[in-house]
Amino acid sequence: MRSRCGPKGPIGVGRSPNTNSSEIVEVCNIHLPELMHFKGQGRVFFGADAGSILGKLNGGDMDDMLFVFWGAEYLEKFRQMQYPVQPRIKDQMVKAKSGQTKLNEARWKGIGDKWTHASSSSS
């Protein structure tokens, strides 16, 4: 099996899963000798701009799965991709907080009945 390393120059990076073409970014790949021993291990290293790149990947973070692609034909196709962002599926919408959740939050903030009662009895 041959070890692969993306070529120097423009490559596409996407988060898996992604929901639209804006969640793939084109970046410039560089080869740093001190990192080349990781070649073939499927690792992606970001530089100082990691936060701005990951922010474009639908809130990606450092433990997400990524895919990388390169090649003039693929990059050109990526640059021309456009499709609308669809509304979230109903089941994925944020649900209303339960009564227990609201009670716990109120206690954490020190405004719930039990918390304020205990606080007032100690004074």
PDB file of N, CA and C in Angstrom:
ATOM      1  N   MET A   1       0.839  -1.168   0.000  1.00  0.00           N
ATOM      2  CA  MET A   1       0.000   0.000   0.000  1.00  0.00           C
ATOM      3  C   MET A   1       0.888   1.237   0.000  1.00  0.00           C
ATOM      4  N   ARG A   2       0.555   2.186  -0.826  1.00  0.00           N
ATOM      5  CA  ARG A   2       1.357   3.391  -0.977  1.00  0.00           C
ATOM      6  C   ARG A   2       0.857   4.499  -0.054  1.00  0.00           C
ATOM      7  N   SER A   3       1.772   5.174   0.627  1.00  0.00           N
ATOM      8  CA  SER A   3       1.395   6.313   1.466  1.00  0.00           C
ATOM      9  C   SER A   3       1.097   7.506   0.584  1.00  0.00           C
ATOM     10  N   ARG A   4       0.038   8.217   0.911  1.00  0.00           N
ATOM     11  CA  ARG A   4      -0.346   9.397   0.139  1.00  0.00           C
ATOM     12  C   ARG A   4      -0.217  10.636   0.999  1.00  0.00           C
ATOM     13  N   CYS A   5       0.132  11.686   0.353  1.00  0.00           N
ATOM     14  CA  CYS A   5       0.181  12.994   0.984  1.00  0.00           C
ATOM     15  C   CYS A   5      -0.326  13.968  -0.069  1.00  0.00           C
ATOM     16  N   GLY A   6      -1.258  14.811   0.303  1.00  0.00           N
ATOM     17  CA  GLY A   6      -1.785  15.774  -0.661  1.00  0.00           C
ATOM     18  C   GLY A   6      -0.659  16.598  -1.264  1.00  0.00           C
ATOM     19  N   PRO A   7      -0.773  16.961  -2.530  1.00  0.00           N
ATOM     20  CA  PRO A   7       0.286  17.735  -3.183  1.00  0.00           C
ATOM     21  C   PRO A   7       0.357  19.155  -2.628  1.00  0.00           C
ATOM     22  N   LYS A   8       1.497  19.771  -2.795  1.00  0.00           N
ATOM     23  CA  LYS A   8       1.626  21.177  -2.430  1.00  0.00           C
ATOM     24  C   LYS A   8       0.707  21.988  -3.334  1.00  0.00           C
ATOM     25  N   GLY A   9       0.079  22.998  -2.759  1.00  0.00           N
ATOM     26  CA  GLY A   9      -0.786  23.857  -3.549  1.00  0.00           C
ATOM     27  C   GLY A   9      -2.235  23.755  -3.123  1.00  0.00           C
ATOM     28  N   PRO A  10      -3.160  24.158  -3.992  1.00  0.00           N
ATOM     29  CA  PRO A  10      -4.572  24.187  -3.610  1.00  0.00           C
ATOM     30  C   PRO A  10      -5.164  22.794  -3.440  1.00  0.00           C
ATOM     31  N   ILE A  11      -5.901  22.638  -2.339  1.00  0.00           N
ATOM     32  CA  ILE A  11      -6.650  21.407  -2.069  1.00  0.00           C
ATOM     33  C   ILE A  11      -7.991  21.815  -1.470  1.00  0.00           C
ATOM     34  N   GLY A  12      -8.952  20.923  -1.523  1.00  0.00           N
ATOM     35  CA  GLY A  12     -10.242  21.139  -0.884  1.00  0.00           C
ATOM     36  C   GLY A  12     -10.300  20.357   0.413  1.00  0.00           C
ATOM     37  N   VAL A  13     -10.894  20.949   1.447  1.00  0.00           N
ATOM     38  CA  VAL A  13     -11.066  20.282   2.739  1.00  0.00           C
ATOM     39  C   VAL A  13     -12.527  20.420   3.137  1.00  0.00           C
ATOM     40  N   GLY A  14     -13.137  19.315   3.504  1.00  0.00           N
ATOM     41  CA  GLY A  14     -14.524  19.328   3.943  1.00  0.00           C
ATOM     42  C   GLY A  14     -14.694  18.540   5.215  1.00  0.00           C
ATOM     43  N   ARG A  15     -15.746  18.855   5.937  1.00  0.00           N
ATOM     44  CA  ARG A  15     -16.087  18.144   7.161  1.00  0.00           C
ATOM     45  C   ARG A  15     -17.116  17.081   6.809  1.00  0.00           C
ATOM     46  N   SER A  16     -16.984  15.932   7.418  1.00  0.00           N
ATOM     47  CA  SER A  16     -17.923  14.858   7.160  1.00  0.00           C
ATOM     48  C   SER A  16     -18.710  14.567   8.424  1.00  0.00           C
ATOM     49  N   PRO A  17     -20.020  14.651   8.417  1.00  0.00           N
ATOM     50  CA  PRO A  17     -20.847  14.986   7.263  1.00  0.00           C
ATOM     51  C   PRO A  17     -20.950  16.498   7.089  1.00  0.00           C
ATOM     52  N   ASN A  18     -21.227  16.906   5.876  1.00  0.00           N
ATOM     53  CA  ASN A  18     -21.488  18.322   5.619  1.00  0.00           C
ATOM     54  C   ASN A  18     -22.861  18.440   4.980  1.00  0.00           C
ATOM     55  N   THR A  19     -23.423  19.650   5.028  1.00  0.00           N
ATOM     56  CA  THR A  19     -24.791  19.797   4.535  1.00  0.00           C
ATOM     57  C   THR A  19     -24.901  20.647   3.286  1.00  0.00           C
ATOM     58  N   ASN A  20     -23.846  21.377   2.925  1.00  0.00           N
ATOM     59  CA  ASN A  20     -23.900  22.153   1.690  1.00  0.00           C
ATOM     60  C   ASN A  20     -22.494  22.503   1.217  1.00  0.00           C
ATOM     61  N   SER A  21     -22.402  23.018   0.012  1.00  0.00           N
ATOM     62  CA  SER A  21     -21.094  23.259  -0.599  1.00  0.00           C
ATOM     63  C   SER A  21     -20.290  24.341   0.112  1.00  0.00           C
ATOM     64  N   SER A  22     -20.947  25.183   0.909  1.00  0.00           N
ATOM     65  CA  SER A  22     -20.186  26.214   1.611  1.00  0.00           C
ATOM     66  C   SER A  22     -19.430  25.636   2.802  1.00  0.00           C
ATOM     67  N   GLU A  23     -19.645  24.377   3.104  1.00  0.00           N
ATOM     68  CA  GLU A  23     -18.935  23.721   4.199  1.00  0.00           C
ATOM     69  C   GLU A  23     -17.699  22.974   3.720  1.00  0.00           C
ATOM     70  N   ILE A  24     -17.234  23.337   2.552  1.00  0.00           N
ATOM     71  CA  ILE A  24     -15.970  22.842   2.016  1.00  0.00           C
ATOM     72  C   ILE A  24     -15.145  24.078   1.717  1.00  0.00           C
ATOM     73  N   VAL A  25     -13.880  24.053   2.089  1.00  0.00           N
ATOM     74  CA  VAL A  25     -13.028  25.219   1.854  1.00  0.00           C
ATOM     75  C   VAL A  25     -11.832  24.827   0.996  1.00  0.00           C
ATOM     76  N   GLU A  26     -11.372  25.779   0.235  1.00  0.00           N
ATOM     77  CA  GLU A  26     -10.151  25.581  -0.536  1.00  0.00           C
ATOM     78  C   GLU A  26      -9.014  26.228   0.240  1.00  0.00           C
ATOM     79  N   VAL A  27      -7.983  25.461   0.490  1.00  0.00           N
ATOM     80  CA  VAL A  27      -6.831  25.948   1.241  1.00  0.00           C
ATOM     81  C   VAL A  27      -5.558  25.636   0.458  1.00  0.00           C
ATOM     82  N   CYS A  28      -4.459  26.184   0.914  1.00  0.00           N
ATOM     83  CA  CYS A  28      -3.166  25.906   0.283  1.00  0.00           C
ATOM     84  C   CYS A  28      -2.415  24.893   1.138  1.00  0.00           C
ATOM     85  N   ASN A  29      -2.103  23.758   0.575  1.00  0.00           N
ATOM     86  CA  ASN A  29      -1.376  22.709   1.278  1.00  0.00           C
ATOM     87  C   ASN A  29       0.126  22.967   1.179  1.00  0.00           C
ATOM     88  N   ILE A  30       0.788  22.859   2.309  1.00  0.00           N
ATOM     89  CA  ILE A  30       2.253  22.979   2.319  1.00  0.00           C
ATOM     90  C   ILE A  30       2.837  21.726   2.965  1.00  0.00           C
ATOM     91  N   HIS A  31       4.068  21.431   2.664  1.00  0.00           N
ATOM     92  CA  HIS A  31       4.764  20.289   3.254  1.00  0.00           C
ATOM     93  C   HIS A  31       5.833  20.801   4.197  1.00  0.00           C
ATOM     94  N   LEU A  32       5.699  20.451   5.475  1.00  0.00           N
ATOM     95  CA  LEU A  32       6.711  20.809   6.471  1.00  0.00           C
ATOM     96  C   LEU A  32       7.509  19.556   6.802  1.00  0.00           C
ATOM     97  N   PRO A  33       8.828  19.609   6.642  1.00  0.00           N
ATOM     98  CA  PRO A  33       9.644  18.414   6.884  1.00  0.00           C
ATOM     99  C   PRO A  33       9.401  17.791   8.261  1.00  0.00           C
ATOM    100  N   GLU A  34       9.186  18.621   9.285  1.00  0.00           N
ATOM    101  CA  GLU A  34       9.004  18.082  10.641  1.00  0.00           C
ATOM    102  C   GLU A  34       7.679  17.333  10.821  1.00  0.00           C
ATOM    103  N   LEU A  35       6.759  17.435   9.853  1.00  0.00           N
ATOM    104  CA  LEU A  35       5.490  16.708   9.941  1.00  0.00           C
ATOM    105  C   LEU A  35       5.382  15.568   8.933  1.00  0.00           C
ATOM    106  N   MET A  36       6.354  15.416   8.069  1.00  0.00           N
ATOM    107  CA  MET A  36       6.248  14.420   6.999  1.00  0.00           C
ATOM    108  C   MET A  36       6.260  12.974   7.511  1.00  0.00           C
ATOM    109  N   HIS A  37       6.704  12.739   8.745  1.00  0.00           N
ATOM    110  CA  HIS A  37       6.657  11.361   9.262  1.00  0.00           C
ATOM    111  C   HIS A  37       5.217  10.911   9.537  1.00  0.00           C
ATOM    112  N   PHE A  38       4.244  11.838   9.489  1.00  0.00           N
ATOM    113  CA  PHE A  38       2.830  11.496   9.632  1.00  0.00           C
ATOM    114  C   PHE A  38       2.191  11.134   8.291  1.00  0.00           C
ATOM    115  N   LYS A  39       2.953  11.213   7.211  1.00  0.00           N
ATOM    116  CA  LYS A  39       2.440  10.927   5.869  1.00  0.00           C
ATOM    117  C   LYS A  39       1.778   9.550   5.840  1.00  0.00           C
ATOM    118  N   GLY A  40       0.600   9.501   5.231  1.00  0.00           N
ATOM    119  CA  GLY A  40      -0.121   8.240   5.093  1.00  0.00           C
ATOM    120  C   GLY A  40      -0.974   7.873   6.295  1.00  0.00           C
ATOM    121  N   GLN A  41      -1.029   8.719   7.314  1.00  0.00           N
ATOM    122  CA  GLN A  41      -1.806   8.416   8.517  1.00  0.00           C
ATOM    123  C   GLN A  41      -3.177   9.089   8.523  1.00  0.00           C
ATOM    124  N   GLY A  42      -3.501   9.818   7.464  1.00  0.00           N
ATOM    125  CA  GLY A  42      -4.810  10.439   7.380  1.00  0.00           C
ATOM    126  C   GLY A  42      -4.983  11.621   8.315  1.00  0.00           C
ATOM    127  N   ARG A  43      -3.922  12.332   8.588  1.00  0.00           N
ATOM    128  CA  ARG A  43      -3.993  13.490   9.490  1.00  0.00           C
ATOM    129  C   ARG A  43      -4.022  14.787   8.700  1.00  0.00           C
ATOM    130  N   VAL A  44      -4.714  15.770   9.260  1.00  0.00           N
ATOM    131  CA  VAL A  44      -4.758  17.110   8.684  1.00  0.00           C
ATOM    132  C   VAL A  44      -4.247  18.064   9.762  1.00  0.00           C
ATOM    133  N   PHE A  45      -3.236  18.830   9.446  1.00  0.00           N
ATOM    134  CA  PHE A  45      -2.695  19.813  10.378  1.00  0.00           C
ATOM    135  C   PHE A  45      -3.058  21.204   9.885  1.00  0.00           C
ATOM    136  N   PHE A  46      -3.593  21.995  10.788  1.00  0.00           N
ATOM    137  CA  PHE A  46      -3.923  23.376  10.451  1.00  0.00           C
ATOM    138  C   PHE A  46      -2.880  24.298  11.073  1.00  0.00           C
ATOM    139  N   GLY A  47      -2.779  25.488  10.507  1.00  0.00           N
ATOM    140  CA  GLY A  47      -1.875  26.494  11.052  1.00  0.00           C
ATOM    141  C   GLY A  47      -2.605  27.420  12.001  1.00  0.00           C
ATOM    142  N   ALA A  48      -2.074  28.620  12.133  1.00  0.00           N
ATOM    143  CA  ALA A  48      -2.628  29.606  13.052  1.00  0.00           C
ATOM    144  C   ALA A  48      -4.045  30.021  12.675  1.00  0.00           C
ATOM    145  N   ASP A  49      -4.444  29.795  11.432  1.00  0.00           N
ATOM    146  CA  ASP A  49      -5.791  30.178  10.997  1.00  0.00           C
ATOM    147  C   ASP A  49      -6.810  29.044  11.161  1.00  0.00           C
ATOM    148  N   ALA A  50      -6.493  28.067  11.999  1.00  0.00           N
ATOM    149  CA  ALA A  50      -7.383  26.915  12.192  1.00  0.00           C
ATOM    150  C   ALA A  50      -8.788  27.339  12.582  1.00  0.00           C
ATOM    151  N   GLY A  51      -8.900  28.313  13.459  1.00  0.00           N
ATOM    152  CA  GLY A  51     -10.224  28.748  13.919  1.00  0.00           C
ATOM    153  C   GLY A  51     -11.091  29.261  12.792  1.00  0.00           C
ATOM    154  N   SER A  52     -10.507  30.049  11.896  1.00  0.00           N
ATOM    155  CA  SER A  52     -11.323  30.588  10.802  1.00  0.00           C
ATOM    156  C   SER A  52     -11.677  29.492   9.799  1.00  0.00           C
ATOM    157  N   ILE A  53     -10.785  28.550   9.578  1.00  0.00           N
ATOM    158  CA  ILE A  53     -11.083  27.446   8.657  1.00  0.00           C
ATOM    159  C   ILE A  53     -12.177  26.549   9.244  1.00  0.00           C
ATOM    160  N   LEU A  54     -12.007  26.144  10.488  1.00  0.00           N
ATOM    161  CA  LEU A  54     -12.990  25.252  11.111  1.00  0.00           C
ATOM    162  C   LEU A  54     -14.350  25.926  11.247  1.00  0.00           C
ATOM    163  N   GLY A  55     -14.352  27.231  11.457  1.00  0.00           N
ATOM    164  CA  GLY A  55     -15.610  27.956  11.528  1.00  0.00           C
ATOM    165  C   GLY A  55     -16.390  27.906  10.233  1.00  0.00           C
ATOM    166  N   LYS A  56     -15.699  27.785   9.113  1.00  0.00           N
ATOM    167  CA  LYS A  56     -16.365  27.683   7.808  1.00  0.00           C
ATOM    168  C   LYS A  56     -16.885  26.272   7.551  1.00  0.00           C
ATOM    169  N   LEU A  57     -16.443  25.332   8.350  1.00  0.00           N
ATOM    170  CA  LEU A  57     -16.862  23.940   8.179  1.00  0.00           C
ATOM    171  C   LEU A  57     -18.022  23.616   9.117  1.00  0.00           C
ATOM    172  N   ASN A  58     -19.009  24.504   9.160  1.00  0.00           N
ATOM    173  CA  ASN A  58     -20.209  24.333   9.973  1.00  0.00           C
ATOM    174  C   ASN A  58     -19.868  24.083  11.440  1.00  0.00           C
ATOM    175  N   GLY A  59     -18.986  24.911  11.961  1.00  0.00           N
ATOM    176  CA  GLY A  59     -18.638  24.800  13.382  1.00  0.00           C
ATOM    177  C   GLY A  59     -17.775  23.608  13.692  1.00  0.00           C
ATOM    178  N   GLY A  60     -16.972  23.163  12.742  1.00  0.00           N
ATOM    179  CA  GLY A  60     -16.101  22.026  12.980  1.00  0.00           C
ATOM    180  C   GLY A  60     -15.124  22.303  14.110  1.00  0.00           C
ATOM    181  N   ASP A  61     -14.613  21.249  14.703  1.00  0.00           N
ATOM    182  CA  ASP A  61     -13.585  21.402  15.716  1.00  0.00           C
ATOM    183  C   ASP A  61     -12.494  20.364  15.495  1.00  0.00           C
ATOM    184  N   MET A  62     -11.553  20.317  16.409  1.00  0.00           N
ATOM    185  CA  MET A  62     -10.330  19.542  16.178  1.00  0.00           C
ATOM    186  C   MET A  62     -10.500  18.025  16.224  1.00  0.00           C
ATOM    187  N   ASP A  63     -11.670  17.518  16.581  1.00  0.00           N
ATOM    188  CA  ASP A  63     -11.842  16.060  16.574  1.00  0.00           C
ATOM    189  C   ASP A  63     -12.805  15.582  15.492  1.00  0.00           C
ATOM    190  N   ASP A  64     -13.142  16.436  14.555  1.00  0.00           N
ATOM    191  CA  ASP A  64     -14.054  16.058  13.471  1.00  0.00           C
ATOM    192  C   ASP A  64     -13.334  15.288  12.368  1.00  0.00           C
ATOM    193  N   MET A  65     -14.118  14.475  11.648  1.00  0.00           N
ATOM    194  CA  MET A  65     -13.586  13.763  10.498  1.00  0.00           C
ATOM    195  C   MET A  65     -13.601  14.714   9.304  1.00  0.00           C
ATOM    196  N   LEU A  66     -12.511  14.748   8.576  1.00  0.00           N
ATOM    197  CA  LEU A  66     -12.398  15.605   7.396  1.00  0.00           C
ATOM    198  C   LEU A  66     -12.108  14.757   6.172  1.00  0.00           C
ATOM    199  N   PHE A  67     -12.418  15.294   5.008  1.00  0.00           N
ATOM    200  CA  PHE A  67     -11.965  14.680   3.766  1.00  0.00           C
ATOM    201  C   PHE A  67     -11.215  15.745   2.987  1.00  0.00           C
ATOM    202  N   VAL A  68     -10.252  15.292   2.227  1.00  0.00           N
ATOM    203  CA  VAL A  68      -9.389  16.189   1.457  1.00  0.00           C
ATOM    204  C   VAL A  68      -9.386  15.716   0.014  1.00  0.00           C
ATOM    205  N   PHE A  69      -9.444  16.662  -0.920  1.00  0.00           N
ATOM    206  CA  PHE A  69      -9.369  16.289  -2.331  1.00  0.00           C
ATOM    207  C   PHE A  69      -8.512  17.311  -3.066  1.00  0.00           C
ATOM    208  N   TRP A  70      -7.982  16.886  -4.202  1.00  0.00           N
ATOM    209  CA  TRP A  70      -7.162  17.763  -5.020  1.00  0.00           C
ATOM    210  C   TRP A  70      -7.290  17.343  -6.464  1.00  0.00           C
ATOM    211  N   GLY A  71      -6.690  18.074  -7.324  1.00  0.00           N
ATOM    212  CA  GLY A  71      -6.773  17.818  -8.762  1.00  0.00           C
ATOM    213  C   GLY A  71      -7.525  18.963  -9.414  1.00  0.00           C
ATOM    214  N   ALA A  72      -7.003  19.452 -10.518  1.00  0.00           N
ATOM    215  CA  ALA A  72      -7.568  20.626 -11.192  1.00  0.00           C
ATOM    216  C   ALA A  72      -9.049  20.449 -11.519  1.00  0.00           C
ATOM    217  N   GLU A  73      -9.445  19.251 -12.005  1.00  0.00           N
ATOM    218  CA  GLU A  73     -10.841  19.034 -12.396  1.00  0.00           C
ATOM    219  C   GLU A  73     -11.775  19.090 -11.191  1.00  0.00           C
ATOM    220  N   TYR A  74     -11.351  18.461 -10.078  1.00  0.00           N
ATOM    221  CA  TYR A  74     -12.177  18.457  -8.878  1.00  0.00           C
ATOM    222  C   TYR A  74     -12.293  19.854  -8.277  1.00  0.00           C
ATOM    223  N   LEU A  75     -11.177  20.554  -8.203  1.00  0.00           N
ATOM    224  CA  LEU A  75     -11.210  21.897  -7.626  1.00  0.00           C
ATOM    225  C   LEU A  75     -12.055  22.843  -8.478  1.00  0.00           C
ATOM    226  N   GLU A  76     -11.960  22.719  -9.792  1.00  0.00           N
ATOM    227  CA  GLU A  76     -12.769  23.576 -10.658  1.00  0.00           C
ATOM    228  C   GLU A  76     -14.257  23.278 -10.458  1.00  0.00           C
ATOM    229  N   LYS A  77     -14.604  22.004 -10.346  1.00  0.00           N
ATOM    230  CA  LYS A  77     -16.004  21.624 -10.099  1.00  0.00           C
ATOM    231  C   LYS A  77     -16.466  22.186  -8.754  1.00  0.00           C
ATOM    232  N   PHE A  78     -15.632  22.073  -7.738  1.00  0.00           N
ATOM    233  CA  PHE A  78     -15.969  22.601  -6.423  1.00  0.00           C
ATOM    234  C   PHE A  78     -16.214  24.109  -6.481  1.00  0.00           C
ATOM    235  N   ARG A  79     -15.372  24.822  -7.195  1.00  0.00           N
ATOM    236  CA  ARG A  79     -15.504  26.280  -7.282  1.00  0.00           C
ATOM    237  C   ARG A  79     -16.820  26.692  -7.944  1.00  0.00           C
ATOM    238  N   GLN A  80     -17.402  25.824  -8.750  1.00  0.00           N
ATOM    239  CA  GLN A  80     -18.644  26.150  -9.457  1.00  0.00           C
ATOM    240  C   GLN A  80     -19.891  25.596  -8.770  1.00  0.00           C
ATOM    241  N   MET A  81     -19.723  24.810  -7.719  1.00  0.00           N
ATOM    242  CA  MET A  81     -20.877  24.190  -7.048  1.00  0.00           C
ATOM    243  C   MET A  81     -21.728  25.236  -6.350  1.00  0.00           C
ATOM    244  N   GLN A  82     -23.013  25.122  -6.543  1.00  0.00           N
ATOM    245  CA  GLN A  82     -23.965  25.977  -5.841  1.00  0.00           C
ATOM    246  C   GLN A  82     -25.240  25.185  -5.655  1.00  0.00           C
ATOM    247  N   TYR A  83     -25.683  25.110  -4.458  1.00  0.00           N
ATOM    248  CA  TYR A  83     -27.004  24.563  -4.211  1.00  0.00           C
ATOM    249  C   TYR A  83     -27.526  25.179  -2.925  1.00  0.00           C
ATOM    250  N   PRO A  84     -28.835  25.334  -2.836  1.00  0.00           N
ATOM    251  CA  PRO A  84     -29.396  26.073  -1.705  1.00  0.00           C
ATOM    252  C   PRO A  84     -29.270  25.318  -0.389  1.00  0.00           C
ATOM    253  N   VAL A  85     -29.143  26.062   0.678  1.00  0.00           N
ATOM    254  CA  VAL A  85     -29.146  25.476   2.012  1.00  0.00           C
ATOM    255  C   VAL A  85     -30.594  25.171   2.361  1.00  0.00           C
ATOM    256  N   GLN A  86     -30.857  23.940   2.690  1.00  0.00           N
ATOM    257  CA  GLN A  86     -32.220  23.512   3.016  1.00  0.00           C
ATOM    258  C   GLN A  86     -32.511  23.741   4.494  1.00  0.00           C
ATOM    259  N   PRO A  87     -33.786  23.983   4.836  1.00  0.00           N
ATOM    260  CA  PRO A  87     -34.129  24.121   6.252  1.00  0.00           C
ATOM    261  C   PRO A  87     -33.882  22.803   6.983  1.00  0.00           C
ATOM    262  N   ARG A  88     -33.632  22.907   8.266  1.00  0.00           N
ATOM    263  CA  ARG A  88     -33.385  21.715   9.059  1.00  0.00           C
ATOM    264  C   ARG A  88     -34.618  20.819   9.086  1.00  0.00           C
ATOM    265  N   ILE A  89     -34.387  19.529   9.199  1.00  0.00           N
ATOM    266  CA  ILE A  89     -35.473  18.568   9.339  1.00  0.00           C
ATOM    267  C   ILE A  89     -36.117  18.800  10.708  1.00  0.00           C
ATOM    268  N   LYS A  90     -37.427  18.663  10.776  1.00  0.00           N
ATOM    269  CA  LYS A  90     -38.162  18.976  12.002  1.00  0.00           C
ATOM    270  C   LYS A  90     -37.574  18.270  13.224  1.00  0.00           C
ATOM    271  N   ASP A  91     -37.196  17.007  13.106  1.00  0.00           N
ATOM    272  CA  ASP A  91     -36.651  16.259  14.240  1.00  0.00           C
ATOM    273  C   ASP A  91     -35.332  16.824  14.731  1.00  0.00           C
ATOM    274  N   GLN A  92     -34.646  17.580  13.888  1.00  0.00           N
ATOM    275  CA  GLN A  92     -33.357  18.144  14.286  1.00  0.00           C
ATOM    276  C   GLN A  92     -33.501  19.528  14.903  1.00  0.00           C
ATOM    277  N   MET A  93     -34.693  20.070  14.882  1.00  0.00           N
ATOM    278  CA  MET A  93     -34.913  21.396  15.460  1.00  0.00           C
ATOM    279  C   MET A  93     -34.690  21.330  16.971  1.00  0.00           C
ATOM    280  N   VAL A  94     -34.323  22.444  17.540  1.00  0.00           N
ATOM    281  CA  VAL A  94     -34.094  22.500  18.982  1.00  0.00           C
ATOM    282  C   VAL A  94     -35.428  22.327  19.706  1.00  0.00           C
ATOM    283  N   LYS A  95     -35.448  21.426  20.653  1.00  0.00           N
ATOM    284  CA  LYS A  95     -36.662  21.177  21.413  1.00  0.00           C
ATOM    285  C   LYS A  95     -36.732  22.163  22.570  1.00  0.00           C
ATOM    286  N   ALA A  96     -37.944  22.421  23.031  1.00  0.00           N
ATOM    287  CA  ALA A  96     -38.142  23.289  24.193  1.00  0.00           C
ATOM    288  C   ALA A  96     -37.524  22.625  25.423  1.00  0.00           C
ATOM    289  N   LYS A  97     -37.031  23.431  26.344  1.00  0.00           N
ATOM    290  CA  LYS A  97     -36.426  22.902  27.562  1.00  0.00           C
ATOM    291  C   LYS A  97     -37.496  22.284  28.442  1.00  0.00           C
ATOM    292  N   SER A  98     -37.147  21.164  29.063  1.00  0.00           N
ATOM    293  CA  SER A  98     -38.088  20.503  29.971  1.00  0.00           C
ATOM    294  C   SER A  98     -38.175  21.284  31.272  1.00  0.00           C
ATOM    295  N   GLY A  99     -39.206  20.993  32.050  1.00  0.00           N
ATOM    296  CA  GLY A  99     -39.363  21.632  33.358  1.00  0.00           C
ATOM    297  C   GLY A  99     -38.168  21.345  34.263  1.00  0.00           C
ATOM    298  N   GLN A 100     -37.651  20.119  34.223  1.00  0.00           N
ATOM    299  CA  GLN A 100     -36.504  19.755  35.058  1.00  0.00           C
ATOM    300  C   GLN A 100     -35.256  20.536  34.634  1.00  0.00           C
ATOM    301  N   THR A 101     -35.075  20.702  33.332  1.00  0.00           N
ATOM    302  CA  THR A 101     -33.936  21.482  32.841  1.00  0.00           C
ATOM    303  C   THR A 101     -34.033  22.918  33.318  1.00  0.00           C
ATOM    304  N   LYS A 102     -35.218  23.501  33.216  1.00  0.00           N
ATOM    305  CA  LYS A 102     -35.406  24.882  33.677  1.00  0.00           C
ATOM    306  C   LYS A 102     -35.140  25.002  35.170  1.00  0.00           C
ATOM    307  N   LEU A 103     -35.617  24.018  35.956  1.00  0.00           N
ATOM    308  CA  LEU A 103     -35.393  24.035  37.394  1.00  0.00           C
ATOM    309  C   LEU A 103     -33.897  23.947  37.711  1.00  0.00           C
ATOM    310  N   ASN A 104     -33.193  23.030  37.044  1.00  0.00           N
ATOM    311  CA  ASN A 104     -31.749  22.903  37.277  1.00  0.00           C
ATOM    312  C   ASN A 104     -31.013  24.188  36.927  1.00  0.00           C
ATOM    313  N   GLU A 105     -31.354  24.793  35.794  1.00  0.00           N
ATOM    314  CA  GLU A 105     -30.697  26.041  35.415  1.00  0.00           C
ATOM    315  C   GLU A 105     -30.976  27.134  36.434  1.00  0.00           C
ATOM    316  N   ALA A 106     -32.217  27.203  36.920  1.00  0.00           N
ATOM    317  CA  ALA A 106     -32.557  28.207  37.926  1.00  0.00           C
ATOM    318  C   ALA A 106     -31.741  27.979  39.196  1.00  0.00           C
ATOM    319  N   ARG A 107     -31.567  26.737  39.602  1.00  0.00           N
ATOM    320  CA  ARG A 107     -30.768  26.434  40.802  1.00  0.00           C
ATOM    321  C   ARG A 107     -29.309  26.809  40.581  1.00  0.00           C
ATOM    322  N   TRP A 108     -28.769  26.503  39.394  1.00  0.00           N
ATOM    323  CA  TRP A 108     -27.373  26.829  39.122  1.00  0.00           C
ATOM    324  C   TRP A 108     -27.153  28.334  39.176  1.00  0.00           C
ATOM    325  N   LYS A 109     -28.166  29.083  38.751  1.00  0.00           N
ATOM    326  CA  LYS A 109     -28.039  30.540  38.741  1.00  0.00           C
ATOM    327  C   LYS A 109     -28.390  31.155  40.094  1.00  0.00           C
ATOM    328  N   GLY A 110     -28.828  30.319  41.035  1.00  0.00           N
ATOM    329  CA  GLY A 110     -29.138  30.809  42.369  1.00  0.00           C
ATOM    330  C   GLY A 110     -30.481  31.484  42.483  1.00  0.00           C
ATOM    331  N   ILE A 111     -31.418  31.178  41.586  1.00  0.00           N
ATOM    332  CA  ILE A 111     -32.711  31.846  41.661  1.00  0.00           C
ATOM    333  C   ILE A 111     -33.863  30.873  41.890  1.00  0.00           C
ATOM    334  N   GLY A 112     -33.574  29.605  42.044  1.00  0.00           N
ATOM    335  CA  GLY A 112     -34.636  28.630  42.290  1.00  0.00           C
ATOM    336  C   GLY A 112     -35.085  28.658  43.733  1.00  0.00           C
ATOM    337  N   ASP A 113     -36.277  28.134  44.012  1.00  0.00           N
ATOM    338  CA  ASP A 113     -36.838  28.160  45.364  1.00  0.00           C
ATOM    339  C   ASP A 113     -35.931  27.496  46.388  1.00  0.00           C
ATOM    340  N   LYS A 114     -35.479  26.268  46.114  1.00  0.00           N
ATOM    341  CA  LYS A 114     -34.654  25.554  47.089  1.00  0.00           C
ATOM    342  C   LYS A 114     -33.333  26.272  47.325  1.00  0.00           C
ATOM    343  N   TRP A 115     -32.725  26.778  46.276  1.00  0.00           N
ATOM    344  CA  TRP A 115     -31.432  27.441  46.402  1.00  0.00           C
ATOM    345  C   TRP A 115     -31.578  28.723  47.218  1.00  0.00           C
ATOM    346  N   THR A 116     -32.532  29.562  46.855  1.00  0.00           N
ATOM    347  CA  THR A 116     -32.684  30.845  47.555  1.00  0.00           C
ATOM    348  C   THR A 116     -33.129  30.621  48.986  1.00  0.00           C
ATOM    349  N   HIS A 117     -33.958  29.562  49.237  1.00  0.00           N
ATOM    350  CA  HIS A 117     -34.392  29.272  50.595  1.00  0.00           C
ATOM    351  C   HIS A 117     -33.184  28.890  51.460  1.00  0.00           C
ATOM    352  N   ALA A 118     -32.318  28.013  50.919  1.00  0.00           N
ATOM    353  CA  ALA A 118     -31.124  27.592  51.663  1.00  0.00           C
ATOM    354  C   ALA A 118     -30.208  28.788  51.892  1.00  0.00           C
ATOM    355  N   SER A 119     -30.106  29.662  50.908  1.00  0.00           N
ATOM    356  CA  SER A 119     -29.234  30.827  51.039  1.00  0.00           C
ATOM    357  C   SER A 119     -29.759  31.769  52.092  1.00  0.00           C
ATOM    358  N   SER A 120     -31.075  31.974  52.142  1.00  0.00           N
ATOM    359  CA  SER A 120     -31.629  32.934  53.095  1.00  0.00           C
ATOM    360  C   SER A 120     -31.606  32.383  54.514  1.00  0.00           C
ATOM    361  N   SER A 121     -31.655  31.048  54.693  1.00  0.00           N
ATOM    362  CA  SER A 121     -31.630  30.493  56.037  1.00  0.00           C
ATOM    363  C   SER A 121     -30.247  30.547  56.662  1.00  0.00           C
ATOM    364  N   SER A 122     -29.200  30.629  55.818  1.00  0.00           N
ATOM    365  CA  SER A 122     -27.848  30.660  56.347  1.00  0.00           C
ATOM    366  C   SER A 122     -27.445  32.065  56.770  1.00  0.00           C
ATOM    367  N   SER A 123     -28.261  33.107  56.489  1.00  0.00           N
ATOM    368  CA  SER A 123     -27.882  34.450  56.868  1.00  0.00           C
ATOM    369  C   SER A 123     -28.483  34.863  58.184  1.00  0.00           C
TER     370      SER A 123
END
